[in-house]
N, C-alpha and C. Protein backbone atom coordinates (compact mmCIF):
# COMPACT_ATOMS: atom_id res chain seq x y z
N MET A 1 -44.71 16.01 42.82
CA MET A 1 -45.47 16.51 41.63
C MET A 1 -46.77 17.04 42.33
N THR A 2 -47.15 18.12 42.07
CA THR A 2 -48.34 18.85 42.60
C THR A 2 -49.44 18.11 42.01
N ASP A 3 -50.48 17.93 42.84
CA ASP A 3 -51.76 17.52 42.46
C ASP A 3 -52.49 18.52 41.61
N VAL A 4 -53.17 18.00 40.45
CA VAL A 4 -53.95 18.96 39.56
C VAL A 4 -55.19 19.33 40.08
N PHE A 5 -55.77 18.53 41.23
CA PHE A 5 -57.08 18.70 41.71
C PHE A 5 -56.91 19.27 43.15
N SER A 6 -57.90 20.02 43.42
CA SER A 6 -57.94 20.53 44.81
C SER A 6 -58.25 19.32 45.82
N THR A 7 -57.99 19.61 47.04
CA THR A 7 -58.16 18.41 47.99
C THR A 7 -59.58 17.94 47.98
N ARG A 8 -60.53 18.74 47.97
CA ARG A 8 -62.01 18.31 47.75
C ARG A 8 -62.22 17.57 46.57
N LYS A 9 -61.79 17.95 45.48
CA LYS A 9 -61.95 17.29 44.14
C LYS A 9 -61.22 15.97 44.24
N ARG A 10 -60.01 15.94 44.75
CA ARG A 10 -59.30 14.62 44.82
C ARG A 10 -60.09 13.57 45.60
N SER A 11 -60.64 14.08 46.67
CA SER A 11 -61.44 13.22 47.56
C SER A 11 -62.57 12.78 46.91
N ASP A 12 -63.25 13.48 45.97
CA ASP A 12 -64.37 13.03 45.28
C ASP A 12 -64.04 12.11 44.18
N VAL A 13 -62.77 12.25 43.53
CA VAL A 13 -62.36 11.27 42.49
C VAL A 13 -62.03 10.11 43.28
N MET A 14 -61.46 10.07 44.21
CA MET A 14 -60.82 8.87 45.04
C MET A 14 -62.01 7.92 45.55
N SER A 15 -63.09 8.61 45.84
CA SER A 15 -64.21 8.00 46.50
C SER A 15 -65.10 7.23 45.48
N CYS A 16 -64.88 7.54 44.18
CA CYS A 16 -65.48 6.76 43.22
C CYS A 16 -64.70 5.56 42.72
N ILE A 17 -63.47 5.43 43.31
CA ILE A 17 -62.82 4.19 42.73
C ILE A 17 -63.24 3.19 43.67
N LEU A 18 -63.77 2.05 43.07
CA LEU A 18 -64.10 0.85 43.99
C LEU A 18 -63.01 -0.29 44.08
N SER A 19 -63.05 -0.80 45.27
CA SER A 19 -62.01 -1.80 45.49
C SER A 19 -62.32 -3.06 44.86
N ARG A 20 -61.39 -3.71 44.31
CA ARG A 20 -61.62 -5.11 43.62
C ARG A 20 -60.85 -6.11 44.31
N GLY A 21 -60.55 -5.95 45.70
CA GLY A 21 -59.81 -6.80 46.52
C GLY A 21 -58.43 -7.09 46.00
N ASN A 22 -57.84 -8.28 46.37
CA ASN A 22 -56.54 -8.57 46.10
C ASN A 22 -56.32 -9.74 45.10
N LYS A 23 -56.75 -9.50 44.05
CA LYS A 23 -56.99 -10.64 42.99
C LYS A 23 -55.66 -11.22 42.65
N ASP A 24 -54.58 -10.40 42.55
CA ASP A 24 -53.30 -10.96 42.18
C ASP A 24 -52.80 -11.98 43.28
N THR A 25 -52.91 -11.60 44.40
CA THR A 25 -52.40 -12.50 45.60
C THR A 25 -53.21 -13.66 45.78
N GLU A 26 -54.65 -13.33 45.52
CA GLU A 26 -55.48 -14.53 45.53
C GLU A 26 -55.29 -15.65 44.52
N LEU A 27 -55.04 -15.11 43.29
CA LEU A 27 -54.75 -15.99 42.17
C LEU A 27 -53.33 -16.68 42.31
N ALA A 28 -52.38 -16.06 43.02
CA ALA A 28 -51.08 -16.63 43.12
C ALA A 28 -51.14 -17.68 44.25
N LEU A 29 -52.00 -17.65 45.28
CA LEU A 29 -52.16 -18.71 46.22
C LEU A 29 -53.09 -19.77 45.63
N ALA A 30 -54.09 -19.52 44.89
CA ALA A 30 -54.94 -20.53 44.23
C ALA A 30 -53.95 -21.36 43.30
N LYS A 31 -53.12 -20.75 42.52
CA LYS A 31 -52.21 -21.68 41.70
C LYS A 31 -51.11 -22.47 42.52
N LEU A 32 -50.94 -21.85 43.72
CA LEU A 32 -50.00 -22.73 44.63
C LEU A 32 -50.77 -23.92 45.06
N PHE A 33 -52.05 -23.73 45.46
CA PHE A 33 -52.86 -24.80 45.85
C PHE A 33 -53.04 -25.87 44.79
N GLN A 34 -53.23 -25.28 43.51
CA GLN A 34 -53.37 -26.16 42.33
C GLN A 34 -52.11 -27.06 42.10
N ARG A 35 -50.89 -26.45 42.10
CA ARG A 35 -49.65 -27.05 41.89
C ARG A 35 -49.38 -28.13 43.04
N GLN A 36 -49.73 -27.92 44.27
CA GLN A 36 -49.51 -28.81 45.44
C GLN A 36 -50.62 -29.72 45.63
N ARG A 37 -51.74 -29.65 44.72
CA ARG A 37 -52.98 -30.39 44.94
C ARG A 37 -53.66 -30.36 46.25
N ILE A 38 -53.67 -29.06 46.73
CA ILE A 38 -54.36 -28.73 48.05
C ILE A 38 -55.83 -28.42 47.66
N THR A 39 -56.73 -29.26 48.00
CA THR A 39 -58.19 -29.04 47.70
C THR A 39 -59.06 -28.58 48.90
N GLY A 40 -60.33 -28.54 48.67
CA GLY A 40 -61.43 -28.39 49.61
C GLY A 40 -61.43 -27.05 50.02
N TRP A 41 -61.06 -26.12 49.23
CA TRP A 41 -61.31 -24.54 49.59
C TRP A 41 -62.41 -24.04 48.70
N ARG A 42 -62.93 -23.04 49.14
CA ARG A 42 -63.87 -22.24 48.44
C ARG A 42 -63.73 -20.76 48.61
N ASN A 43 -64.31 -20.04 47.78
CA ASN A 43 -64.30 -18.58 47.95
C ASN A 43 -65.76 -18.20 48.50
N GLN A 44 -66.01 -18.61 49.59
CA GLN A 44 -67.37 -18.43 50.12
C GLN A 44 -67.50 -17.19 51.02
N LYS A 45 -68.60 -16.67 50.87
CA LYS A 45 -68.76 -15.42 51.63
C LYS A 45 -69.21 -15.77 53.12
N ILE A 46 -68.34 -15.62 53.99
CA ILE A 46 -68.75 -15.60 55.47
C ILE A 46 -68.15 -14.30 56.17
N PHE A 47 -68.52 -14.28 57.30
CA PHE A 47 -68.14 -13.10 58.10
C PHE A 47 -66.57 -12.84 57.88
N GLY A 48 -66.28 -11.54 57.68
CA GLY A 48 -64.95 -11.06 57.60
C GLY A 48 -64.30 -11.25 56.04
N LYS A 49 -65.08 -11.79 55.18
CA LYS A 49 -64.78 -12.03 53.87
C LYS A 49 -63.33 -12.66 53.70
N PRO A 50 -63.06 -13.80 54.29
CA PRO A 50 -61.77 -14.43 53.95
C PRO A 50 -61.58 -14.64 52.60
N ASP A 51 -60.26 -14.64 52.12
CA ASP A 51 -59.91 -15.06 50.81
C ASP A 51 -60.36 -16.48 50.44
N PHE A 52 -59.99 -17.41 51.43
CA PHE A 52 -60.13 -18.93 51.11
C PHE A 52 -60.85 -19.48 52.34
N VAL A 53 -61.83 -20.45 52.30
CA VAL A 53 -62.54 -21.01 53.36
C VAL A 53 -62.31 -22.55 53.08
N PHE A 54 -61.78 -23.15 54.06
CA PHE A 54 -61.68 -24.70 54.01
C PHE A 54 -62.72 -25.25 55.12
N ARG A 55 -63.85 -25.48 54.67
CA ARG A 55 -65.23 -25.74 55.47
C ARG A 55 -64.94 -26.95 56.39
N GLN A 56 -64.47 -27.96 55.71
CA GLN A 56 -64.32 -29.20 56.57
C GLN A 56 -63.34 -28.92 57.66
N ALA A 57 -62.21 -28.35 57.42
CA ALA A 57 -61.20 -28.01 58.35
C ALA A 57 -61.42 -26.92 59.41
N ARG A 58 -62.59 -26.20 59.15
CA ARG A 58 -62.99 -25.03 59.72
C ARG A 58 -61.90 -24.02 59.82
N LEU A 59 -61.26 -23.82 58.59
CA LEU A 59 -60.18 -22.93 58.60
C LEU A 59 -60.45 -21.73 57.55
N THR A 60 -60.20 -20.49 57.95
CA THR A 60 -60.43 -19.47 56.94
C THR A 60 -58.99 -18.88 56.95
N LEU A 61 -58.76 -18.36 55.56
CA LEU A 61 -57.42 -18.14 55.21
C LEU A 61 -57.50 -16.60 54.50
N PHE A 62 -56.70 -15.69 55.12
CA PHE A 62 -56.69 -14.35 54.53
C PHE A 62 -55.18 -14.15 53.98
N VAL A 63 -55.23 -13.44 52.82
CA VAL A 63 -53.97 -12.92 52.28
C VAL A 63 -53.91 -11.44 52.30
N ASP A 64 -53.05 -10.99 53.24
CA ASP A 64 -52.92 -9.64 53.67
C ASP A 64 -51.83 -8.93 52.83
N GLY A 65 -52.41 -7.82 52.15
CA GLY A 65 -51.20 -7.12 51.46
C GLY A 65 -50.37 -6.29 52.17
N CYS A 66 -49.08 -6.33 51.96
CA CYS A 66 -48.15 -5.70 52.78
C CYS A 66 -48.26 -4.08 53.16
N PHE A 67 -48.91 -3.48 51.97
CA PHE A 67 -49.02 -2.18 52.09
C PHE A 67 -50.18 -1.74 53.06
N TRP A 68 -51.45 -2.44 52.52
CA TRP A 68 -52.70 -2.01 53.28
C TRP A 68 -52.84 -2.59 54.71
N HIS A 69 -52.16 -3.67 55.05
CA HIS A 69 -52.25 -4.25 56.31
C HIS A 69 -51.14 -3.91 57.19
N GLY A 70 -50.29 -3.07 56.79
CA GLY A 70 -49.09 -2.64 57.53
C GLY A 70 -48.04 -3.66 57.93
N CYS A 71 -47.57 -4.49 56.78
CA CYS A 71 -46.46 -5.33 57.19
C CYS A 71 -45.11 -4.63 57.71
N LEU A 72 -44.66 -5.14 58.71
CA LEU A 72 -43.45 -4.33 59.35
C LEU A 72 -42.29 -4.47 58.43
N LYS A 73 -42.06 -5.49 57.57
CA LYS A 73 -40.97 -5.60 56.78
C LYS A 73 -41.05 -4.70 55.56
N HIS A 74 -42.33 -4.53 54.97
CA HIS A 74 -42.39 -4.01 53.66
C HIS A 74 -43.40 -2.71 53.55
N SER A 75 -44.19 -2.31 54.57
CA SER A 75 -45.09 -1.30 54.45
C SER A 75 -44.41 -0.02 54.89
N LYS A 76 -44.41 0.90 53.85
CA LYS A 76 -43.87 2.41 54.16
C LYS A 76 -44.94 3.22 53.74
N PRO A 77 -45.56 3.95 54.66
CA PRO A 77 -46.75 4.82 54.27
C PRO A 77 -46.23 6.00 53.49
N PRO A 78 -47.12 6.54 52.54
CA PRO A 78 -46.62 7.53 51.59
C PRO A 78 -46.25 8.85 52.59
N ARG A 79 -45.46 9.55 51.89
CA ARG A 79 -44.82 10.69 52.63
C ARG A 79 -45.84 11.93 52.76
N SER A 80 -46.76 11.93 51.77
CA SER A 80 -47.89 12.95 51.95
C SER A 80 -48.93 12.47 52.89
N ASN A 81 -49.63 13.40 53.48
CA ASN A 81 -50.80 12.97 54.37
C ASN A 81 -50.45 11.80 55.45
N GLN A 82 -49.21 12.05 56.01
CA GLN A 82 -48.85 10.89 56.96
C GLN A 82 -49.91 10.76 58.07
N THR A 83 -50.57 11.77 58.59
CA THR A 83 -51.49 11.57 59.60
C THR A 83 -52.59 10.61 59.21
N TYR A 84 -53.06 10.91 58.01
CA TYR A 84 -54.20 10.04 57.58
C TYR A 84 -53.70 8.63 57.43
N TRP A 85 -52.69 8.46 56.76
CA TRP A 85 -52.09 7.04 56.44
C TRP A 85 -51.86 6.34 57.80
N ARG A 86 -51.17 6.98 58.78
CA ARG A 86 -50.87 6.27 60.04
C ARG A 86 -52.29 5.82 60.62
N ALA A 87 -53.22 6.71 60.71
CA ALA A 87 -54.60 6.29 61.21
C ALA A 87 -55.24 5.15 60.35
N LYS A 88 -55.14 5.20 59.11
CA LYS A 88 -55.63 4.11 58.32
C LYS A 88 -55.08 2.73 58.56
N MET A 89 -53.81 2.76 58.76
CA MET A 89 -53.10 1.47 58.87
C MET A 89 -53.48 0.94 60.23
N ILE A 90 -53.73 1.90 61.34
CA ILE A 90 -54.19 1.49 62.63
C ILE A 90 -55.62 0.81 62.61
N ARG A 91 -56.32 1.57 61.88
CA ARG A 91 -57.80 1.03 61.75
C ARG A 91 -57.75 -0.31 60.94
N ASN A 92 -57.02 -0.52 59.80
CA ASN A 92 -56.88 -1.69 59.15
C ASN A 92 -56.48 -2.91 60.14
N LYS A 93 -55.47 -2.65 60.77
CA LYS A 93 -54.95 -3.63 61.75
C LYS A 93 -56.02 -3.97 62.81
N ALA A 94 -56.60 -2.95 63.32
CA ALA A 94 -57.69 -3.33 64.40
C ALA A 94 -58.73 -4.07 63.83
N ARG A 95 -59.17 -3.82 62.53
CA ARG A 95 -60.23 -4.56 61.81
C ARG A 95 -59.77 -6.02 61.71
N ASP A 96 -58.63 -6.16 61.19
CA ASP A 96 -58.12 -7.63 61.03
C ASP A 96 -58.11 -8.33 62.49
N SER A 97 -57.82 -7.76 63.43
CA SER A 97 -57.78 -8.37 64.78
C SER A 97 -59.13 -8.77 65.24
N SER A 98 -59.97 -7.74 65.06
CA SER A 98 -61.45 -7.99 65.30
C SER A 98 -62.02 -9.06 64.63
N VAL A 99 -61.85 -9.13 63.37
CA VAL A 99 -62.27 -10.16 62.39
C VAL A 99 -61.86 -11.58 62.81
N SER A 100 -60.65 -11.70 63.09
CA SER A 100 -60.01 -12.83 63.50
C SER A 100 -60.54 -13.35 64.80
N ARG A 101 -60.72 -12.52 65.71
CA ARG A 101 -61.20 -12.88 67.04
C ARG A 101 -62.69 -13.28 66.95
N ALA A 102 -63.50 -12.67 66.05
CA ALA A 102 -64.88 -13.01 65.88
C ALA A 102 -64.99 -14.45 65.29
N LEU A 103 -64.22 -14.77 64.17
CA LEU A 103 -64.24 -16.02 63.63
C LEU A 103 -63.87 -17.06 64.56
N ARG A 104 -62.86 -16.73 65.41
CA ARG A 104 -62.45 -17.92 66.34
C ARG A 104 -63.43 -18.16 67.31
N LYS A 105 -64.22 -17.09 67.73
CA LYS A 105 -65.27 -17.26 68.84
C LYS A 105 -66.33 -18.10 68.07
N LYS A 106 -66.62 -18.06 66.83
CA LYS A 106 -67.58 -18.79 65.98
C LYS A 106 -66.95 -20.29 65.64
N GLY A 107 -65.79 -20.59 66.23
CA GLY A 107 -65.24 -21.98 66.00
C GLY A 107 -64.34 -22.10 64.78
N TRP A 108 -64.03 -21.01 64.14
CA TRP A 108 -63.03 -21.13 62.95
C TRP A 108 -61.70 -20.97 63.37
N ARG A 109 -60.73 -21.48 62.65
CA ARG A 109 -59.24 -21.32 62.81
C ARG A 109 -58.93 -20.27 61.75
N VAL A 110 -58.07 -19.41 62.03
CA VAL A 110 -57.80 -18.16 61.15
C VAL A 110 -56.27 -18.21 60.91
N LEU A 111 -56.03 -18.18 59.56
CA LEU A 111 -54.51 -18.16 59.10
C LEU A 111 -54.48 -17.00 58.24
N ARG A 112 -53.49 -16.15 58.57
CA ARG A 112 -53.18 -14.91 57.85
C ARG A 112 -51.90 -14.94 57.25
N ILE A 113 -51.90 -14.72 55.98
CA ILE A 113 -50.64 -14.77 55.17
C ILE A 113 -50.47 -13.52 54.58
N TRP A 114 -49.06 -13.11 54.79
CA TRP A 114 -48.60 -11.78 54.13
C TRP A 114 -48.34 -12.16 52.73
N GLU A 115 -48.66 -11.06 51.86
CA GLU A 115 -48.49 -10.87 50.43
C GLU A 115 -46.95 -11.38 50.07
N HIS A 116 -45.98 -10.98 50.99
CA HIS A 116 -44.51 -11.25 50.72
C HIS A 116 -44.17 -12.78 50.74
N GLU A 117 -45.18 -13.41 51.53
CA GLU A 117 -44.77 -14.96 51.81
C GLU A 117 -45.22 -15.79 50.44
N LEU A 118 -45.96 -15.13 49.62
CA LEU A 118 -46.25 -15.73 48.20
C LEU A 118 -44.92 -15.93 47.27
N ALA A 119 -43.98 -15.19 47.61
CA ALA A 119 -42.69 -15.18 46.79
C ALA A 119 -42.18 -16.83 46.59
N ARG A 120 -41.69 -16.94 45.64
CA ARG A 120 -41.29 -18.41 45.34
C ARG A 120 -40.19 -18.84 46.53
N LYS A 121 -39.30 -17.92 47.05
CA LYS A 121 -38.28 -18.36 47.85
C LYS A 121 -38.87 -18.50 49.27
N ASN A 122 -40.07 -18.14 49.34
CA ASN A 122 -40.82 -18.62 50.82
C ASN A 122 -41.75 -19.56 50.57
N GLU A 123 -41.90 -20.24 49.51
CA GLU A 123 -43.06 -21.14 49.18
C GLU A 123 -43.15 -22.46 50.11
N ILE A 124 -41.87 -23.06 50.40
CA ILE A 124 -41.84 -24.26 51.12
C ILE A 124 -42.37 -23.85 52.66
N ARG A 125 -41.81 -22.78 53.17
CA ARG A 125 -42.22 -22.45 54.62
C ARG A 125 -43.77 -22.06 54.62
N LEU A 126 -44.25 -21.43 53.58
CA LEU A 126 -45.68 -21.06 53.39
C LEU A 126 -46.61 -22.47 53.33
N LEU A 127 -46.08 -23.29 52.56
CA LEU A 127 -46.77 -24.72 52.39
C LEU A 127 -46.96 -25.38 53.68
N ARG A 128 -45.68 -25.36 54.34
CA ARG A 128 -45.89 -26.12 55.80
C ARG A 128 -46.79 -25.39 56.62
N ARG A 129 -46.86 -24.07 56.67
CA ARG A 129 -47.85 -23.39 57.67
C ARG A 129 -49.28 -23.71 57.19
N ILE A 130 -49.50 -23.86 55.95
CA ILE A 130 -50.81 -24.17 55.47
C ILE A 130 -51.20 -25.51 55.86
N GLN A 131 -50.43 -26.43 55.52
CA GLN A 131 -50.52 -27.82 55.87
C GLN A 131 -50.71 -28.15 57.27
N ARG A 132 -49.91 -27.46 58.09
CA ARG A 132 -50.10 -27.58 59.52
C ARG A 132 -51.54 -27.08 59.98
N ALA A 133 -51.93 -25.93 59.37
CA ALA A 133 -53.26 -25.38 59.63
C ALA A 133 -54.36 -26.24 59.21
N LEU A 134 -54.13 -26.88 58.15
CA LEU A 134 -55.20 -28.01 57.64
C LEU A 134 -55.28 -29.25 58.40
N GLY A 135 -54.26 -29.55 59.29
CA GLY A 135 -54.10 -30.73 60.09
C GLY A 135 -53.64 -31.80 59.23
């Protein structure tokens, strides 16, 4: 389908849309914590903006969306503007690596969870990873 806006106008429209994070995935993980009685986490604002912070365990937890963070199993860039999207995914992955490295230097452990790991069929494996990370 042809865009009704010019490239310039589309850019202006898109720049006005504010990101609201990944609420669906965060809520799914928070519900999993609640069901499994995993406590001690907060949504505290520290460097890198992790989705969950376990201060006592010095653990930061990120839930990475398959599309935005370039999951090798599920991320398929849009067919249009492929050069832009390829560069965008590379920048996102580089930022994720940089944030993880910086947090580790500050003494934090970093756990990154893919969005697809939140599916019910993956729940047991995910819980094991989280519990191992929490010690």
